[in-house]
């Protein structure tokens, strides 16, 4: 994978995540998660992908913790509760991505 491909993939991932962190629309969320998964699948063995994956996972974990505090006691249909669901699904994808990237690195 060329450095340009790494840059484009990383930029797309950051763009999709920035939109995921603010959407409460389930259809839009699902589309963004699909796009994000496609970018992750296209990632190669770049050290940069692993480092950015670790950073993204930590950032999402922090967002998730803050959102859980905000949501406690709110009804499940509240927009903040819908955002929590999006963050939880995003975190699962980021964890899977990072595990996959680490496995690729081990095989090198």
Protein backbone atom coordinates (compact mmCIF):
# COMPACT_ATOMS: atom_id res chain seq x y z
CA UNK A 1 0.00 0.00 0.00
CA UNK A 2 1.47 3.35 -1.03
CA UNK A 3 1.72 6.27 1.37
CA UNK A 4 -0.98 8.02 -0.67
CA UNK A 5 -3.32 5.05 -0.20
CA UNK A 6 -2.60 5.04 3.54
CA UNK A 7 -3.36 8.76 3.70
CA UNK A 8 -6.63 8.44 1.75
CA UNK A 9 -7.80 5.45 3.79
CA UNK A 10 -6.97 7.16 7.09
CA UNK A 11 -8.68 10.37 5.95
CA UNK A 12 -11.82 8.48 4.97
CA UNK A 13 -11.90 6.68 8.33
CA UNK A 14 -11.59 9.98 10.19
CA UNK A 15 -14.35 11.54 8.07
CA UNK A 16 -16.75 8.65 8.65
CA UNK A 17 -16.01 8.64 12.37
CA UNK A 18 -16.59 12.38 12.71
CA UNK A 19 -20.01 11.92 11.14
CA UNK A 20 -20.78 8.81 13.23
CA UNK A 21 -20.05 10.70 16.42
CA UNK A 22 -22.89 13.10 15.70
CA UNK A 23 -25.59 11.09 13.93
CA UNK A 24 -28.71 9.74 15.56
CA UNK A 25 -30.35 8.62 12.31
CA UNK A 26 -30.20 4.79 12.22
CA UNK A 27 -30.08 4.57 8.41
CA UNK A 28 -27.29 7.13 8.18
CA UNK A 29 -25.44 5.39 11.02
CA UNK A 30 -25.68 2.01 9.32
CA UNK A 31 -24.44 3.47 6.04
CA UNK A 32 -21.49 5.16 7.74
CA UNK A 33 -20.62 1.96 9.61
CA UNK A 34 -20.68 0.07 6.31
CA UNK A 35 -18.41 2.65 4.67
CA UNK A 36 -16.09 2.54 7.68
CA UNK A 37 -15.93 -1.26 7.58
CA UNK A 38 -15.05 -1.12 3.86
CA UNK A 39 -12.17 1.25 4.54
CA UNK A 40 -10.93 -0.93 7.39
CA UNK A 41 -11.05 -3.99 5.15
CA UNK A 42 -8.89 -2.16 2.59
CA UNK A 43 -6.17 -1.33 5.12
CA UNK A 44 -2.81 -2.95 4.66
CA UNK A 45 0.00 -3.66 7.10
CA UNK A 46 1.00 -0.06 7.70
CA UNK A 47 2.29 0.78 11.17
CA UNK A 48 0.35 4.04 10.81
CA UNK A 49 -2.93 2.12 10.58
CA UNK A 50 -2.21 0.33 13.86
CA UNK A 51 -1.16 3.51 15.67
CA UNK A 52 -4.19 5.41 14.42
CA UNK A 53 -6.44 2.46 15.25
CA UNK A 54 -5.21 2.52 18.85
CA UNK A 55 -5.78 6.26 19.08
CA UNK A 56 -9.25 6.05 17.54
CA UNK A 57 -10.28 3.25 19.86
CA UNK A 58 -9.13 5.21 22.94
CA UNK A 59 -10.94 8.34 21.76
CA UNK A 60 -14.15 6.43 21.08
CA UNK A 61 -13.93 4.77 24.51
CA UNK A 62 -13.73 8.22 26.12
CA UNK A 63 -16.71 9.47 24.10
CA UNK A 64 -18.63 6.35 25.07
CA UNK A 65 -17.95 6.86 28.78
CA UNK A 66 -19.04 10.52 28.60
CA UNK A 67 -22.18 9.59 26.68
CA UNK A 68 -23.10 6.90 29.20
CA UNK A 69 -23.00 9.54 31.94
CA UNK A 70 -25.17 11.88 29.91
CA UNK A 71 -27.72 9.17 29.10
CA UNK A 72 -28.16 7.68 32.56
CA UNK A 73 -31.81 8.12 33.49
CA UNK A 74 -32.99 9.28 30.05
CA UNK A 75 -35.64 7.41 28.08
CA UNK A 76 -34.31 5.09 25.36
CA UNK A 77 -35.86 7.18 22.57
CA UNK A 78 -34.04 10.35 23.65
CA UNK A 79 -31.57 11.59 20.99
CA UNK A 80 -28.65 11.24 23.43
CA UNK A 81 -29.59 7.58 23.99
CA UNK A 82 -29.63 7.03 20.22
CA UNK A 83 -26.18 8.57 20.00
CA UNK A 84 -24.99 6.19 22.72
CA UNK A 85 -26.15 3.25 20.60
CA UNK A 86 -24.18 4.63 17.64
CA UNK A 87 -21.06 5.04 19.76
CA UNK A 88 -21.38 1.50 21.10
CA UNK A 89 -21.65 0.04 17.59
CA UNK A 90 -18.73 2.18 16.43
CA UNK A 91 -16.59 1.01 19.34
CA UNK A 92 -17.26 -2.64 18.48
CA UNK A 93 -16.12 -2.01 14.90
CA UNK A 94 -12.99 -0.14 16.05
CA UNK A 95 -12.03 -2.95 18.43
CA UNK A 96 -12.44 -5.51 15.65
CA UNK A 97 -10.40 -3.31 13.31
CA UNK A 98 -7.55 -2.95 15.76
CA UNK A 99 -7.44 -6.66 16.51
CA UNK A 100 -7.30 -7.41 12.80
CA UNK A 101 -4.53 -4.87 12.23
CA UNK A 102 -2.50 -6.26 15.13
CA UNK A 103 -2.85 -9.79 13.74
CA UNK A 104 -1.59 -8.59 10.35
CA UNK A 105 1.40 -6.97 12.03
CA UNK A 106 2.23 -10.18 13.91
CA UNK A 107 2.34 -12.13 10.64
CA UNK A 108 4.98 -9.85 9.14
